[in-house]
PDB file of N, CA and C in Angstrom:
ATOM      1  N   MET A   1     105.435  94.946 152.377  1.00  0.00           N
ATOM      2  CA  MET A   1     104.545  95.213 151.263  1.00  0.00           C
ATOM      3  C   MET A   1     103.558  96.303 151.622  1.00  0.00           C
ATOM      4  N   GLY A   2     103.192  96.385 152.903  1.00  0.00           N
ATOM      5  CA  GLY A   2     102.268  97.418 153.339  1.00  0.00           C
ATOM      6  C   GLY A   2     102.837  98.808 153.117  1.00  0.00           C
ATOM      7  N   LYS A   3     104.156  98.925 153.244  1.00  0.00           N
ATOM      8  CA  LYS A   3     104.822 100.208 152.999  1.00  0.00           C
ATOM      9  C   LYS A   3     104.584 100.652 151.555  1.00  0.00           C
ATOM     10  N   TYR A   4     104.645  99.712 150.638  1.00  0.00           N
ATOM     11  CA  TYR A   4     104.422 100.029 149.228  1.00  0.00           C
ATOM     12  C   TYR A   4     102.971 100.405 148.954  1.00  0.00           C
ATOM     13  N   THR A   5     102.040  99.805 149.682  1.00  0.00           N
ATOM     14  CA  THR A   5     100.629 100.148 149.489  1.00  0.00           C
ATOM     15  C   THR A   5     100.425 101.628 149.777  1.00  0.00           C
ATOM     16  N   ARG A   6     101.005 102.105 150.881  1.00  0.00           N
ATOM     17  CA  ARG A   6     100.881 103.534 151.212  1.00  0.00           C
ATOM     18  C   ARG A   6     101.497 104.400 150.120  1.00  0.00           C
ATOM     19  N   ILE A   7     102.645 104.000 149.618  1.00  0.00           N
ATOM     20  CA  ILE A   7     103.314 104.770 148.554  1.00  0.00           C
ATOM     21  C   ILE A   7     102.463 104.768 147.289  1.00  0.00           C
ATOM     22  N   LEU A   8     101.911 103.604 146.930  1.00  0.00           N
ATOM     23  CA  LEU A   8     101.132 103.479 145.692  1.00  0.00           C
ATOM     24  C   LEU A   8      99.798 104.221 145.751  1.00  0.00           C
ATOM     25  N   CYS A   9      99.344 104.558 146.941  1.00  0.00           N
ATOM     26  CA  CYS A   9      98.091 105.302 147.083  1.00  0.00           C
ATOM     27  C   CYS A   9      98.300 106.817 147.035  1.00  0.00           C
ATOM     28  N   GLU A  10      99.541 107.248 146.996  1.00  0.00           N
ATOM     29  CA  GLU A  10      99.840 108.679 146.925  1.00  0.00           C
ATOM     30  C   GLU A  10      99.514 109.212 145.533  1.00  0.00           C
ATOM     31  N   ALA A  11      99.351 110.534 145.437  1.00  0.00           N
ATOM     32  CA  ALA A  11      99.023 111.163 144.152  1.00  0.00           C
ATOM     33  C   ALA A  11     100.180 111.021 143.158  1.00  0.00           C
ATOM     34  N   ASP A  12     101.394 111.255 143.618  1.00  0.00           N
ATOM     35  CA  ASP A  12     102.576 111.159 142.748  1.00  0.00           C
ATOM     36  C   ASP A  12     103.446 109.999 143.222  1.00  0.00           C
ATOM     37  N   VAL A  13     103.448 108.932 142.448  1.00  0.00           N
ATOM     38  CA  VAL A  13     104.250 107.761 142.784  1.00  0.00           C
ATOM     39  C   VAL A  13     105.518 107.784 141.945  1.00  0.00           C
ATOM     40  N   PRO A  14     106.693 107.674 142.588  1.00  0.00           N
ATOM     41  CA  PRO A  14     107.933 107.623 141.813  1.00  0.00           C
ATOM     42  C   PRO A  14     107.907 106.455 140.822  1.00  0.00           C
ATOM     43  N   GLU A  15     108.425 106.699 139.652  1.00  0.00           N
ATOM     44  CA  GLU A  15     108.410 105.705 138.569  1.00  0.00           C
ATOM     45  C   GLU A  15     109.064 104.392 138.986  1.00  0.00           C
ATOM     46  N   ARG A  16     110.075 104.460 139.831  1.00  0.00           N
ATOM     47  CA  ARG A  16     110.786 103.237 140.238  1.00  0.00           C
ATOM     48  C   ARG A  16     109.882 102.258 140.987  1.00  0.00           C
ATOM     49  N   HIS A  17     108.795 102.756 141.567  1.00  0.00           N
ATOM     50  CA  HIS A  17     107.869 101.872 142.283  1.00  0.00           C
ATOM     51  C   HIS A  17     106.862 101.207 141.345  1.00  0.00           C
ATOM     52  N   LEU A  18     106.833 101.642 140.099  1.00  0.00           N
ATOM     53  CA  LEU A  18     105.875 101.105 139.142  1.00  0.00           C
ATOM     54  C   LEU A  18     106.499 100.131 138.154  1.00  0.00           C
ATOM     55  N   GLU A  19     107.818 100.019 138.169  1.00  0.00           N
ATOM     56  CA  GLU A  19     108.517  99.167 137.200  1.00  0.00           C
ATOM     57  C   GLU A  19     109.024  97.885 137.864  1.00  0.00           C
ATOM     58  N   ASP A  20     108.958  96.795 137.130  1.00  0.00           N
ATOM     59  CA  ASP A  20     109.535  95.510 137.554  1.00  0.00           C
ATOM     60  C   ASP A  20     109.106  95.104 138.956  1.00  0.00           C
ATOM     61  N   HIS A  21     107.844  95.255 139.253  1.00  0.00           N
ATOM     62  CA  HIS A  21     107.347  94.891 140.578  1.00  0.00           C
ATOM     63  C   HIS A  21     106.999  93.403 140.631  1.00  0.00           C
ATOM     64  N   PRO A  22     107.250  92.765 141.764  1.00  0.00           N
ATOM     65  CA  PRO A  22     106.986  91.326 141.883  1.00  0.00           C
ATOM     66  C   PRO A  22     105.631  90.997 142.522  1.00  0.00           C
ATOM     67  N   PHE A  23     104.784  91.992 142.749  1.00  0.00           N
ATOM     68  CA  PHE A  23     103.588  91.759 143.565  1.00  0.00           C
ATOM     69  C   PHE A  23     102.625  90.734 142.976  1.00  0.00           C
ATOM     70  N   GLY A  24     102.455  90.708 141.673  1.00  0.00           N
ATOM     71  CA  GLY A  24     101.583  89.710 141.059  1.00  0.00           C
ATOM     72  C   GLY A  24     102.104  88.303 141.297  1.00  0.00           C
ATOM     73  N   LEU A  25     103.386  88.113 141.124  1.00  0.00           N
ATOM     74  CA  LEU A  25     104.012  86.807 141.348  1.00  0.00           C
ATOM     75  C   LEU A  25     103.929  86.409 142.822  1.00  0.00           C
ATOM     76  N   ILE A  26     104.160  87.368 143.701  1.00  0.00           N
ATOM     77  CA  ILE A  26     104.063  87.095 145.139  1.00  0.00           C
ATOM     78  C   ILE A  26     102.644  86.663 145.486  1.00  0.00           C
ATOM     79  N   ALA A  27     101.641  87.391 144.973  1.00  0.00           N
ATOM     80  CA  ALA A  27     100.236  87.052 145.255  1.00  0.00           C
ATOM     81  C   ALA A  27      99.909  85.649 144.744  1.00  0.00           C
ATOM     82  N   ASP A  28     100.369  85.318 143.543  1.00  0.00           N
ATOM     83  CA  ASP A  28     100.122  83.982 142.991  1.00  0.00           C
ATOM     84  C   ASP A  28     100.756  82.893 143.853  1.00  0.00           C
ATOM     85  N   ASN A  29     101.989  83.121 144.286  1.00  0.00           N
ATOM     86  CA  ASN A  29     102.680  82.130 145.114  1.00  0.00           C
ATOM     87  C   ASN A  29     102.010  81.971 146.477  1.00  0.00           C
ATOM     88  N   LEU A  30     101.590  83.082 147.059  1.00  0.00           N
ATOM     89  CA  LEU A  30     100.910  83.000 148.347  1.00  0.00           C
ATOM     90  C   LEU A  30      99.542  82.337 148.216  1.00  0.00           C
ATOM     91  N   ARG A  31      98.870  82.563 147.098  1.00  0.00           N
ATOM     92  CA  ARG A  31      97.589  81.894 146.833  1.00  0.00           C
ATOM     93  C   ARG A  31      97.806  80.381 146.776  1.00  0.00           C
ATOM     94  N   PHE A  32      98.889  79.961 146.132  1.00  0.00           N
ATOM     95  CA  PHE A  32      99.241  78.541 146.042  1.00  0.00           C
ATOM     96  C   PHE A  32      99.522  77.971 147.433  1.00  0.00           C
ATOM     97  N   VAL A  33     100.315  78.683 148.228  1.00  0.00           N
ATOM     98  CA  VAL A  33     100.647  78.230 149.580  1.00  0.00           C
ATOM     99  C   VAL A  33      99.382  78.117 150.424  1.00  0.00           C
ATOM    100  N   GLU A  34      98.515  79.127 150.317  1.00  0.00           N
ATOM    101  CA  GLU A  34      97.264  79.125 151.082  1.00  0.00           C
ATOM    102  C   GLU A  34      96.403  77.905 150.724  1.00  0.00           C
ATOM    103  N   LYS A  35      96.320  77.620 149.434  1.00  0.00           N
ATOM    104  CA  LYS A  35      95.538  76.468 148.974  1.00  0.00           C
ATOM    105  C   LYS A  35      96.125  75.163 149.520  1.00  0.00           C
ATOM    106  N   ARG A  36      97.442  75.024 149.445  1.00  0.00           N
ATOM    107  CA  ARG A  36      98.100  73.791 149.917  1.00  0.00           C
ATOM    108  C   ARG A  36      97.949  73.625 151.426  1.00  0.00           C
ATOM    109  N   LEU A  37      98.023  74.729 152.160  1.00  0.00           N
ATOM    110  CA  LEU A  37      97.834  74.634 153.609  1.00  0.00           C
ATOM    111  C   LEU A  37      96.423  74.156 153.932  1.00  0.00           C
ATOM    112  N   ARG A  38      95.433  74.697 153.218  1.00  0.00           N
ATOM    113  CA  ARG A  38      94.051  74.283 153.455  1.00  0.00           C
ATOM    114  C   ARG A  38      93.856  72.803 153.095  1.00  0.00           C
ATOM    115  N   GLU A  39      94.499  72.373 152.009  1.00  0.00           N
ATOM    116  CA  GLU A  39      94.410  70.963 151.610  1.00  0.00           C
ATOM    117  C   GLU A  39      95.049  70.045 152.645  1.00  0.00           C
ATOM    118  N   ALA A  40      96.145  70.493 153.233  1.00  0.00           N
ATOM    119  CA  ALA A  40      96.855  69.684 154.229  1.00  0.00           C
ATOM    120  C   ALA A  40      96.021  69.536 155.501  1.00  0.00           C
ATOM    121  N   GLY A  41      95.244  70.546 155.804  1.00  0.00           N
ATOM    122  CA  GLY A  41      94.374  70.480 156.975  1.00  0.00           C
ATOM    123  C   GLY A  41      95.064  70.912 158.249  1.00  0.00           C
ATOM    124  N   THR A  42      94.254  71.110 159.250  1.00  0.00           N
ATOM    125  CA  THR A  42      94.748  71.590 160.537  1.00  0.00           C
ATOM    126  C   THR A  42      95.394  70.455 161.317  1.00  0.00           C
ATOM    127  N   PRO A  43      96.634  70.637 161.742  1.00  0.00           N
ATOM    128  CA  PRO A  43      97.279  69.613 162.571  1.00  0.00           C
ATOM    129  C   PRO A  43      96.582  69.509 163.942  1.00  0.00           C
ATOM    130  N   VAL A  44      96.387  68.313 164.389  1.00  0.00           N
ATOM    131  CA  VAL A  44      95.718  68.082 165.670  1.00  0.00           C
ATOM    132  C   VAL A  44      96.535  68.737 166.788  1.00  0.00           C
ATOM    133  N   GLY A  45      95.840  69.501 167.601  1.00  0.00           N
ATOM    134  CA  GLY A  45      96.504  70.167 168.721  1.00  0.00           C
ATOM    135  C   GLY A  45      97.172  71.475 168.352  1.00  0.00           C
ATOM    136  N   ARG A  46      97.156  71.832 167.091  1.00  0.00           N
ATOM    137  CA  ARG A  46      97.798  73.068 166.621  1.00  0.00           C
ATOM    138  C   ARG A  46      96.813  73.981 165.895  1.00  0.00           C
ATOM    139  N   GLU A  47      95.537  73.874 166.245  1.00  0.00           N
ATOM    140  CA  GLU A  47      94.493  74.618 165.541  1.00  0.00           C
ATOM    141  C   GLU A  47      94.724  76.125 165.585  1.00  0.00           C
ATOM    142  N   LYS A  48      95.046  76.641 166.775  1.00  0.00           N
ATOM    143  CA  LYS A  48      95.235  78.086 166.927  1.00  0.00           C
ATOM    144  C   LYS A  48      96.419  78.584 166.085  1.00  0.00           C
ATOM    145  N   GLU A  49      97.535  77.889 166.163  1.00  0.00           N
ATOM    146  CA  GLU A  49      98.720  78.281 165.401  1.00  0.00           C
ATOM    147  C   GLU A  49      98.466  78.177 163.895  1.00  0.00           C
ATOM    148  N   PHE A  50      97.757  77.115 163.497  1.00  0.00           N
ATOM    149  CA  PHE A  50      97.463  76.913 162.083  1.00  0.00           C
ATOM    150  C   PHE A  50      96.572  78.035 161.551  1.00  0.00           C
ATOM    151  N   ASN A  51      95.547  78.380 162.322  1.00  0.00           N
ATOM    152  CA  ASN A  51      94.658  79.468 161.905  1.00  0.00           C
ATOM    153  C   ASN A  51      95.388  80.801 161.848  1.00  0.00           C
ATOM    154  N   THR A  52      96.299  81.036 162.769  1.00  0.00           N
ATOM    155  CA  THR A  52      97.108  82.257 162.754  1.00  0.00           C
ATOM    156  C   THR A  52      97.975  82.293 161.500  1.00  0.00           C
ATOM    157  N   LEU A  53      98.583  81.161 161.171  1.00  0.00           N
ATOM    158  CA  LEU A  53      99.403  81.072 159.960  1.00  0.00           C
ATOM    159  C   LEU A  53      98.565  81.326 158.714  1.00  0.00           C
ATOM    160  N   LEU A  54      97.392  80.683 158.638  1.00  0.00           N
ATOM    161  CA  LEU A  54      96.516  80.881 157.477  1.00  0.00           C
ATOM    162  C   LEU A  54      96.114  82.341 157.316  1.00  0.00           C
ATOM    163  N   ARG A  55      95.765  82.993 158.422  1.00  0.00           N
ATOM    164  CA  ARG A  55      95.390  84.410 158.354  1.00  0.00           C
ATOM    165  C   ARG A  55      96.550  85.267 157.891  1.00  0.00           C
ATOM    166  N   ALA A  56      97.749  84.971 158.361  1.00  0.00           N
ATOM    167  CA  ALA A  56      98.929  85.751 157.970  1.00  0.00           C
ATOM    168  C   ALA A  56      99.215  85.588 156.477  1.00  0.00           C
ATOM    169  N   VAL A  57      99.121  84.368 155.978  1.00  0.00           N
ATOM    170  CA  VAL A  57      99.351  84.121 154.548  1.00  0.00           C
ATOM    171  C   VAL A  57      98.272  84.822 153.718  1.00  0.00           C
ATOM    172  N   ALA A  58      97.014  84.733 154.154  1.00  0.00           N
ATOM    173  CA  ALA A  58      95.914  85.370 153.429  1.00  0.00           C
ATOM    174  C   ALA A  58      96.072  86.885 153.414  1.00  0.00           C
ATOM    175  N   LYS A  59      96.482  87.448 154.535  1.00  0.00           N
ATOM    176  CA  LYS A  59      96.680  88.910 154.597  1.00  0.00           C
ATOM    177  C   LYS A  59      97.826  89.332 153.681  1.00  0.00           C
ATOM    178  N   ALA A  60      98.916  88.605 153.702  1.00  0.00           N
ATOM    179  CA  ALA A  60     100.049  88.931 152.831  1.00  0.00           C
ATOM    180  C   ALA A  60      99.641  88.818 151.360  1.00  0.00           C
ATOM    181  N   ARG A  61      98.879  87.771 151.020  1.00  0.00           N
ATOM    182  CA  ARG A  61      98.387  87.616 149.645  1.00  0.00           C
ATOM    183  C   ARG A  61      97.513  88.786 149.250  1.00  0.00           C
ATOM    184  N   SER A  62      96.648  89.189 150.146  1.00  0.00           N
ATOM    185  CA  SER A  62      95.736  90.299 149.878  1.00  0.00           C
ATOM    186  C   SER A  62      96.504  91.602 149.626  1.00  0.00           C
ATOM    187  N   VAL A  63      97.510  91.862 150.437  1.00  0.00           N
ATOM    188  CA  VAL A  63      98.314  93.082 150.270  1.00  0.00           C
ATOM    189  C   VAL A  63      99.083  93.033 148.949  1.00  0.00           C
ATOM    190  N   ALA A  64      99.662  91.895 148.626  1.00  0.00           N
ATOM    191  CA  ALA A  64     100.395  91.763 147.363  1.00  0.00           C
ATOM    192  C   ALA A  64      99.459  91.966 146.175  1.00  0.00           C
ATOM    193  N   ALA A  65      98.268  91.373 146.234  1.00  0.00           N
ATOM    194  CA  ALA A  65      97.299  91.518 145.147  1.00  0.00           C
ATOM    195  C   ALA A  65      96.839  92.972 145.017  1.00  0.00           C
ATOM    196  N   MET A  66      96.645  93.643 146.153  1.00  0.00           N
ATOM    197  CA  MET A  66      96.245  95.043 146.109  1.00  0.00           C
ATOM    198  C   MET A  66      97.338  95.908 145.485  1.00  0.00           C
ATOM    199  N   ASN A  67      98.583  95.668 145.875  1.00  0.00           N
ATOM    200  CA  ASN A  67      99.690  96.420 145.289  1.00  0.00           C
ATOM    201  C   ASN A  67      99.773  96.189 143.785  1.00  0.00           C
ATOM    202  N   ASP A  68      99.606  94.940 143.367  1.00  0.00           N
ATOM    203  CA  ASP A  68      99.624  94.623 141.940  1.00  0.00           C
ATOM    204  C   ASP A  68      98.506  95.370 141.220  1.00  0.00           C
ATOM    205  N   SER A  69      97.334  95.383 141.813  1.00  0.00           N
ATOM    206  CA  SER A  69      96.192  96.079 141.217  1.00  0.00           C
ATOM    207  C   SER A  69      96.435  97.581 141.132  1.00  0.00           C
ATOM    208  N   LEU A  70      96.972  98.172 142.198  1.00  0.00           N
ATOM    209  CA  LEU A  70      97.247  99.612 142.197  1.00  0.00           C
ATOM    210  C   LEU A  70      98.258  99.986 141.107  1.00  0.00           C
ATOM    211  N   ILE A  71      99.267  99.149 140.939  1.00  0.00           N
ATOM    212  CA  ILE A  71     100.274  99.414 139.902  1.00  0.00           C
ATOM    213  C   ILE A  71      99.654  99.275 138.520  1.00  0.00           C
ATOM    214  N   ARG A  72      98.848  98.254 138.322  1.00  0.00           N
ATOM    215  CA  ARG A  72      98.187  98.065 137.019  1.00  0.00           C
ATOM    216  C   ARG A  72      97.284  99.257 136.681  1.00  0.00           C
ATOM    217  N   GLN A  73      96.583  99.783 137.682  1.00  0.00           N
ATOM    218  CA  GLN A  73      95.714 100.933 137.448  1.00  0.00           C
ATOM    219  C   GLN A  73      96.501 102.145 136.975  1.00  0.00           C
ATOM    220  N   ARG A  74      97.737 102.254 137.417  1.00  0.00           N
ATOM    221  CA  ARG A  74      98.563 103.402 137.036  1.00  0.00           C
ATOM    222  C   ARG A  74      99.337 103.188 135.739  1.00  0.00           C
ATOM    223  N   THR A  75      99.528 101.932 135.352  1.00  0.00           N
ATOM    224  CA  THR A  75     100.416 101.681 134.211  1.00  0.00           C
ATOM    225  C   THR A  75      99.713 101.177 132.959  1.00  0.00           C
ATOM    226  N   ILE A  76      98.503 100.649 133.089  1.00  0.00           N
ATOM    227  CA  ILE A  76      97.806 100.104 131.927  1.00  0.00           C
ATOM    228  C   ILE A  76      96.780 101.123 131.445  1.00  0.00           C
ATOM    229  N   VAL A  77      96.908 101.511 130.197  1.00  0.00           N
ATOM    230  CA  VAL A  77      95.976 102.464 129.603  1.00  0.00           C
ATOM    231  C   VAL A  77      94.743 101.693 129.128  1.00  0.00           C
ATOM    232  N   PRO A  78      93.564 102.081 129.622  1.00  0.00           N
ATOM    233  CA  PRO A  78      92.362 101.338 129.218  1.00  0.00           C
ATOM    234  C   PRO A  78      92.018 101.580 127.755  1.00  0.00           C
ATOM    235  N   ASN A  79      91.397 100.596 127.150  1.00  0.00           N
ATOM    236  CA  ASN A  79      90.953 100.702 125.775  1.00  0.00           C
ATOM    237  C   ASN A  79      89.603 101.428 125.777  1.00  0.00           C
ATOM    238  N   VAL A  80      89.578 102.648 125.268  1.00  0.00           N
ATOM    239  CA  VAL A  80      88.360 103.448 125.258  1.00  0.00           C
ATOM    240  C   VAL A  80      87.704 103.337 123.891  1.00  0.00           C
ATOM    241  N   ILE A  81      86.415 103.037 123.908  1.00  0.00           N
ATOM    242  CA  ILE A  81      85.670 102.904 122.657  1.00  0.00           C
ATOM    243  C   ILE A  81      84.629 104.014 122.601  1.00  0.00           C
ATOM    244  N   GLU A  82      84.689 104.803 121.567  1.00  0.00           N
ATOM    245  CA  GLU A  82      83.715 105.876 121.379  1.00  0.00           C
ATOM    246  C   GLU A  82      82.362 105.284 121.023  1.00  0.00           C
ATOM    247  N   SER A  83      81.300 105.903 121.527  1.00  0.00           N
ATOM    248  CA  SER A  83      79.968 105.388 121.271  1.00  0.00           C
ATOM    249  C   SER A  83      78.976 106.543 121.233  1.00  0.00           C
ATOM    250  N   ASP A  84      77.896 106.340 120.500  1.00  0.00           N
ATOM    251  CA  ASP A  84      76.848 107.353 120.460  1.00  0.00           C
ATOM    252  C   ASP A  84      75.583 106.825 121.146  1.00  0.00           C
ATOM    253  N   ILE A  85      75.789 105.951 122.137  1.00  0.00           N
ATOM    254  CA  ILE A  85      74.671 105.343 122.848  1.00  0.00           C
ATOM    255  C   ILE A  85      73.884 106.410 123.612  1.00  0.00           C
ATOM    256  N   ASP A  86      72.604 106.223 123.703  1.00  0.00           N
ATOM    257  CA  ASP A  86      71.721 107.125 124.440  1.00  0.00           C
ATOM    258  C   ASP A  86      71.859 106.811 125.933  1.00  0.00           C
ATOM    259  N   LEU A  87      72.584 107.666 126.669  1.00  0.00           N
ATOM    260  CA  LEU A  87      72.845 107.391 128.075  1.00  0.00           C
ATOM    261  C   LEU A  87      71.571 107.438 128.913  1.00  0.00           C
ATOM    262  N   GLU A  88      70.655 108.317 128.591  1.00  0.00           N
ATOM    263  CA  GLU A  88      69.399 108.371 129.337  1.00  0.00           C
ATOM    264  C   GLU A  88      68.600 107.074 129.127  1.00  0.00           C
ATOM    265  N   GLY A  89      68.607 106.576 127.907  1.00  0.00           N
ATOM    266  CA  GLY A  89      67.931 105.311 127.623  1.00  0.00           C
ATOM    267  C   GLY A  89      68.579 104.159 128.368  1.00  0.00           C
ATOM    268  N   LEU A  90      69.897 104.168 128.435  1.00  0.00           N
ATOM    269  CA  LEU A  90      70.623 103.126 129.158  1.00  0.00           C
ATOM    270  C   LEU A  90      70.288 103.175 130.644  1.00  0.00           C
ATOM    271  N   LYS A  91      70.234 104.373 131.210  1.00  0.00           N
ATOM    272  CA  LYS A  91      69.875 104.519 132.629  1.00  0.00           C
ATOM    273  C   LYS A  91      68.456 103.999 132.874  1.00  0.00           C
ATOM    274  N   THR A  92      67.529 104.324 131.982  1.00  0.00           N
ATOM    275  CA  THR A  92      66.147 103.870 132.119  1.00  0.00           C
ATOM    276  C   THR A  92      66.076 102.353 132.062  1.00  0.00           C
ATOM    277  N   LEU A  93      66.801 101.757 131.108  1.00  0.00           N
ATOM    278  CA  LEU A  93      66.827 100.302 130.972  1.00  0.00           C
ATOM    279  C   LEU A  93      67.411  99.652 132.222  1.00  0.00           C
ATOM    280  N   THR A  94      68.481 100.208 132.735  1.00  0.00           N
ATOM    281  CA  THR A  94      69.120  99.671 133.938  1.00  0.00           C
ATOM    282  C   THR A  94      68.181  99.744 135.136  1.00  0.00           C
ATOM    283  N   THR A  95      67.529 100.885 135.294  1.00  0.00           N
ATOM    284  CA  THR A  95      66.580 101.052 136.398  1.00  0.00           C
ATOM    285  C   THR A  95      65.437 100.045 136.289  1.00  0.00           C
ATOM    286  N   ARG A  96      64.920  99.885 135.082  1.00  0.00           N
ATOM    287  CA  ARG A  96      63.814  98.943 134.849  1.00  0.00           C
ATOM    288  C   ARG A  96      64.232  97.516 135.187  1.00  0.00           C
ATOM    289  N   ASN A  97      65.393  97.103 134.694  1.00  0.00           N
ATOM    290  CA  ASN A  97      65.857  95.731 134.949  1.00  0.00           C
ATOM    291  C   ASN A  97      66.188  95.510 136.420  1.00  0.00           C
ATOM    292  N   THR A  98      66.733  96.524 137.072  1.00  0.00           N
ATOM    293  CA  THR A  98      67.024  96.410 138.508  1.00  0.00           C
ATOM    294  C   THR A  98      65.728  96.215 139.274  1.00  0.00           C
ATOM    295  N   GLN A  99      64.725  96.988 138.934  1.00  0.00           N
ATOM    296  CA  GLN A  99      63.434  96.848 139.608  1.00  0.00           C
ATOM    297  C   GLN A  99      62.824  95.472 139.362  1.00  0.00           C
ATOM    298  N   ARG A 100      62.949  94.959 138.149  1.00  0.00           N
ATOM    299  CA  ARG A 100      62.434  93.612 137.832  1.00  0.00           C
ATOM    300  C   ARG A 100      63.120  92.556 138.697  1.00  0.00           C
ATOM    301  N   LEU A 101      64.446  92.687 138.868  1.00  0.00           N
ATOM    302  CA  LEU A 101      65.174  91.737 139.716  1.00  0.00           C
ATOM    303  C   LEU A 101      64.711  91.833 141.161  1.00  0.00           C
ATOM    304  N   ILE A 102      64.514  93.056 141.639  1.00  0.00           N
ATOM    305  CA  ILE A 102      64.054  93.249 143.016  1.00  0.00           C
ATOM    306  C   ILE A 102      62.668  92.611 143.184  1.00  0.00           C
ATOM    307  N   ASP A 103      61.801  92.820 142.202  1.00  0.00           N
ATOM    308  CA  ASP A 103      60.447  92.247 142.268  1.00  0.00           C
ATOM    309  C   ASP A 103      60.498  90.716 142.271  1.00  0.00           C
ATOM    310  N   GLN A 104      61.407  90.128 141.488  1.00  0.00           N
ATOM    311  CA  GLN A 104      61.511  88.673 141.420  1.00  0.00           C
ATOM    312  C   GLN A 104      62.030  88.093 142.734  1.00  0.00           C
ATOM    313  N   VAL A 105      62.969  88.778 143.350  1.00  0.00           N
ATOM    314  CA  VAL A 105      63.567  88.287 144.584  1.00  0.00           C
ATOM    315  C   VAL A 105      62.607  88.502 145.750  1.00  0.00           C
ATOM    316  N   GLY A 106      61.957  89.677 145.765  1.00  0.00           N
ATOM    317  CA  GLY A 106      61.099  90.056 146.900  1.00  0.00           C
ATOM    318  C   GLY A 106      59.808  89.357 146.835  1.00  0.00           C
TER     319      GLY A 106
END
């Protein structure tokens, strides 16, 4: 799957790499396996092996999810909504609210 990540990050991705990809399904299945392994718990005396297995499953899930995301970014056209909002006003409002949050936390 890592090989596909490199391909999907290129400027020109062949169309065959964007069609009928299983990465979303793979990520979902690995997420399920990861959850079940955690529920089952670490076998006594096998902590190191269990943690290695969990890390491997999590890494594979992460790569599959990233590939799925990269493909979606290239294949799904976002819904763009035209607006006449005052961008300077929006920036001012955002800055003001950010500062208020900082003041509340600090």
